[in-house]
Amino acid sequence: MHPMLAKPIVILAILAFTFSLGACASSRSASTREPAPMPTRHATGTFDVTLKPIPAYESSPDAALGRMSIDKQFHGDLEGTSKGEMLTASGSVKGSAAYVAVERVTGTLRGRSGSFSFVHRGIMTRGTPQLLLTVVPDSGSGQFVGLAGSLTINIAEGKHFYDFEYSLPDAP
């Protein structure tokens, strides 16, 4: 090949390669775009909860660790039961603790039935609580496939209330 032709061919090859990378990236981003957001809905009601201690994995005087089973009965827009397990740790200052839990809910939500899981993260700092319950992604079965959302718990006069903010694809 003539030395004068080699440089333009290399430049053309680089440009063609760069263009093909851009085309792949744009087609990739077009195919992985987020679907349109689903409408957010609210479900409210009450629930009864029973916690039972389970022997902890390890017990030591320095770390107050605990383990409990969770059994719930939901009433209201969400009707059903759940079973789960909680791990706890207490701090050295009164009113400071944390817990994590996973529970599987089975029942009906505004006429649709199936099951799904919640993951809990609770932290109490000197009596000030922070609680986050989130639907485990892709955990829905039956008519709860695609369920996403979070649940807020309020306790008043010993009674547990929930507000479940969720999205769920329309039934086929």
Protein backbone atom coordinates (compact mmCIF):
# COMPACT_ATOMS: atom_id res chain seq x y z
CA MET A 1 0.00 0.00 0.00
CA HIS A 2 1.23 3.46 -0.83
CA PRO A 3 2.34 5.34 2.35
CA MET A 4 0.17 8.35 1.38
CA LEU A 5 -3.00 6.14 1.42
CA ALA A 6 -2.27 4.41 4.75
CA LYS A 7 -2.97 7.47 6.94
CA PRO A 8 -6.42 8.29 5.45
CA ILE A 9 -7.46 4.63 5.64
CA VAL A 10 -6.49 4.46 9.33
CA ILE A 11 -8.44 7.68 10.02
CA LEU A 12 -11.49 6.30 8.17
CA ALA A 13 -11.24 3.04 10.11
CA ILE A 14 -11.09 4.94 13.42
CA LEU A 15 -14.09 7.09 12.41
CA ALA A 16 -16.08 4.01 11.32
CA PHE A 17 -15.24 2.23 14.58
CA THR A 18 -16.18 5.30 16.65
CA PHE A 19 -19.46 5.66 14.75
CA SER A 20 -20.31 2.00 15.28
CA LEU A 21 -19.64 2.35 19.03
CA GLY A 22 -21.99 5.34 19.16
CA ALA A 23 -24.67 3.46 17.23
CA CYS A 24 -24.35 0.48 19.59
CA ALA A 25 -24.57 2.73 22.63
CA SER A 26 -27.64 4.54 21.34
CA SER A 27 -29.42 1.31 20.42
CA ARG A 28 -28.45 -0.15 23.78
CA SER A 29 -29.81 2.87 25.66
CA ALA A 30 -33.01 2.79 23.61
CA SER A 31 -33.62 -0.85 24.48
CA THR A 32 -32.85 -0.40 28.20
CA ARG A 33 -34.95 2.70 28.78
CA GLU A 34 -37.05 2.69 31.90
CA PRO A 35 -40.70 1.93 31.28
CA ALA A 36 -43.20 4.70 31.93
CA PRO A 37 -43.83 5.03 35.67
CA MET A 38 -46.90 3.27 37.03
CA PRO A 39 -49.41 5.27 39.04
CA THR A 40 -48.80 5.29 42.79
CA ARG A 41 -51.63 3.96 44.93
CA HIS A 42 -52.25 3.91 48.68
CA ALA A 43 -53.60 1.09 50.83
CA THR A 44 -54.37 1.70 54.49
CA GLY A 45 -55.50 -0.35 57.43
CA THR A 46 -54.37 -2.00 60.62
CA PHE A 47 -52.43 -5.09 61.54
CA ASP A 48 -51.89 -7.32 64.53
CA VAL A 49 -48.38 -8.58 65.17
CA THR A 50 -46.98 -11.38 67.31
CA LEU A 51 -43.23 -11.50 67.96
CA LYS A 52 -41.67 -14.60 69.53
CA PRO A 53 -38.04 -14.87 70.60
CA ILE A 54 -35.89 -17.41 68.77
CA PRO A 55 -32.50 -18.43 70.20
CA ALA A 56 -29.88 -15.94 68.94
CA TYR A 57 -26.95 -17.08 66.82
CA GLU A 58 -24.50 -15.89 69.42
CA SER A 59 -25.04 -14.40 72.81
CA SER A 60 -22.47 -12.23 74.52
CA PRO A 61 -22.67 -9.67 77.31
CA ASP A 62 -21.06 -7.02 75.06
CA ALA A 63 -23.55 -7.25 72.19
CA ALA A 64 -27.22 -7.59 72.98
CA LEU A 65 -28.30 -9.56 69.92
CA GLY A 66 -31.75 -10.97 69.43
CA ARG A 67 -33.75 -12.98 66.96
CA MET A 68 -37.55 -13.18 66.66
CA SER A 69 -40.23 -14.71 64.51
CA ILE A 70 -42.87 -12.36 63.09
CA ASP A 71 -46.52 -13.28 62.52
CA LYS A 72 -48.92 -10.60 61.24
CA GLN A 73 -52.58 -10.37 60.34
CA PHE A 74 -53.40 -7.43 58.01
CA HIS A 75 -56.84 -5.77 57.89
CA GLY A 76 -58.15 -3.08 55.54
CA ASP A 77 -57.11 -2.57 51.93
CA LEU A 78 -54.50 -5.30 52.44
CA GLU A 79 -56.08 -8.45 53.88
CA GLY A 80 -53.78 -11.32 54.68
CA THR A 81 -51.05 -12.79 56.80
CA SER A 82 -47.29 -12.67 56.91
CA LYS A 83 -44.49 -14.68 58.41
CA GLY A 84 -40.94 -13.50 58.84
CA GLU A 85 -37.81 -13.27 60.90
CA MET A 86 -36.12 -10.35 62.64
CA LEU A 87 -32.57 -9.80 63.87
CA THR A 88 -32.01 -7.14 66.54
CA ALA A 89 -29.11 -5.38 68.23
CA SER A 90 -29.30 -3.06 71.24
CA GLY A 91 -26.96 -0.16 71.84
CA SER A 92 -25.33 0.69 75.17
CA VAL A 93 -27.53 3.79 75.55
CA LYS A 94 -31.17 3.30 76.50
CA GLY A 95 -33.42 3.80 73.46
CA SER A 96 -30.73 2.98 70.88
CA ALA A 97 -31.17 -0.20 68.86
CA ALA A 98 -31.57 -1.55 65.34
CA TYR A 99 -33.32 -4.36 63.54
CA VAL A 100 -33.52 -5.93 60.12
CA ALA A 101 -36.24 -8.30 59.02
CA VAL A 102 -37.72 -10.07 56.04
CA GLU A 103 -41.34 -11.15 55.87
CA ARG A 104 -43.51 -12.87 53.25
CA VAL A 105 -47.04 -11.47 52.90
CA THR A 106 -49.85 -13.58 51.42
CA GLY A 107 -53.31 -12.19 50.80
CA THR A 108 -55.36 -9.73 48.79
CA LEU A 109 -54.69 -6.09 47.99
CA ARG A 110 -57.76 -4.27 46.72
CA GLY A 111 -59.12 -7.43 45.11
CA ARG A 112 -55.86 -8.80 43.70
CA SER A 113 -54.27 -11.84 45.31
CA GLY A 114 -50.80 -13.29 45.62
CA SER A 115 -47.76 -12.92 47.79
CA PHE A 116 -44.70 -10.68 48.07
CA SER A 117 -41.89 -9.91 50.50
CA PHE A 118 -40.96 -6.87 52.58
CA VAL A 119 -37.48 -6.05 53.83
CA HIS A 120 -37.30 -3.96 57.03
CA ARG A 121 -34.59 -1.62 58.29
CA GLY A 122 -35.27 -0.05 61.66
CA ILE A 123 -32.96 2.19 63.65
CA MET A 124 -33.71 3.86 66.99
CA THR A 125 -31.29 6.58 68.11
CA ARG A 126 -31.92 7.51 71.76
CA GLY A 127 -35.65 7.03 71.26
CA THR A 128 -35.96 8.61 67.80
CA PRO A 129 -37.06 5.96 65.29
CA GLN A 130 -36.30 5.60 61.59
CA LEU A 131 -38.15 2.78 59.86
CA LEU A 132 -38.12 1.71 56.23
CA LEU A 133 -40.16 -1.21 54.86
CA THR A 134 -39.70 -1.81 51.16
CA VAL A 135 -41.15 -4.42 48.82
CA VAL A 136 -38.34 -6.76 47.77
CA PRO A 137 -37.88 -6.18 44.02
CA ASP A 138 -39.44 -8.89 41.85
CA SER A 139 -40.75 -10.81 44.88
CA GLY A 140 -44.41 -10.63 43.82
CA SER A 141 -46.27 -13.75 42.73
CA GLY A 142 -49.78 -14.33 41.43
CA GLN A 143 -51.45 -10.99 40.74
CA PHE A 144 -48.65 -9.16 42.60
CA VAL A 145 -46.05 -9.65 39.86
CA GLY A 146 -44.39 -6.27 39.34
CA LEU A 147 -45.41 -4.89 42.75
CA ALA A 148 -43.14 -2.15 44.12
CA GLY A 149 -43.50 0.22 47.05
CA SER A 150 -42.93 1.02 50.68
CA LEU A 151 -44.96 0.76 53.85
CA THR A 152 -45.16 3.20 56.75
CA ILE A 153 -46.16 2.02 60.23
CA ASN A 154 -47.76 4.21 62.88
CA ILE A 155 -48.56 3.02 66.38
CA ALA A 156 -51.22 4.84 68.40
CA GLU A 157 -52.56 3.65 71.75
CA GLY A 158 -51.06 0.21 71.18
CA LYS A 159 -52.73 -0.27 67.76
CA HIS A 160 -50.64 -0.70 64.58
CA PHE A 161 -51.66 1.22 61.44
CA TYR A 162 -50.11 0.92 57.98
CA ASP A 163 -49.99 3.17 54.92
CA PHE A 164 -48.76 1.22 51.91
CA GLU A 165 -47.67 3.37 48.97
CA TYR A 166 -47.32 1.05 46.00
CA SER A 167 -47.40 0.64 42.24
CA LEU A 168 -48.67 -2.45 40.46
CA PRO A 169 -49.06 -3.05 36.74
CA ASP A 170 -52.65 -3.29 35.55
CA ALA A 171 -54.06 -6.80 35.35
CA PRO A 172 -53.68 -8.33 31.89
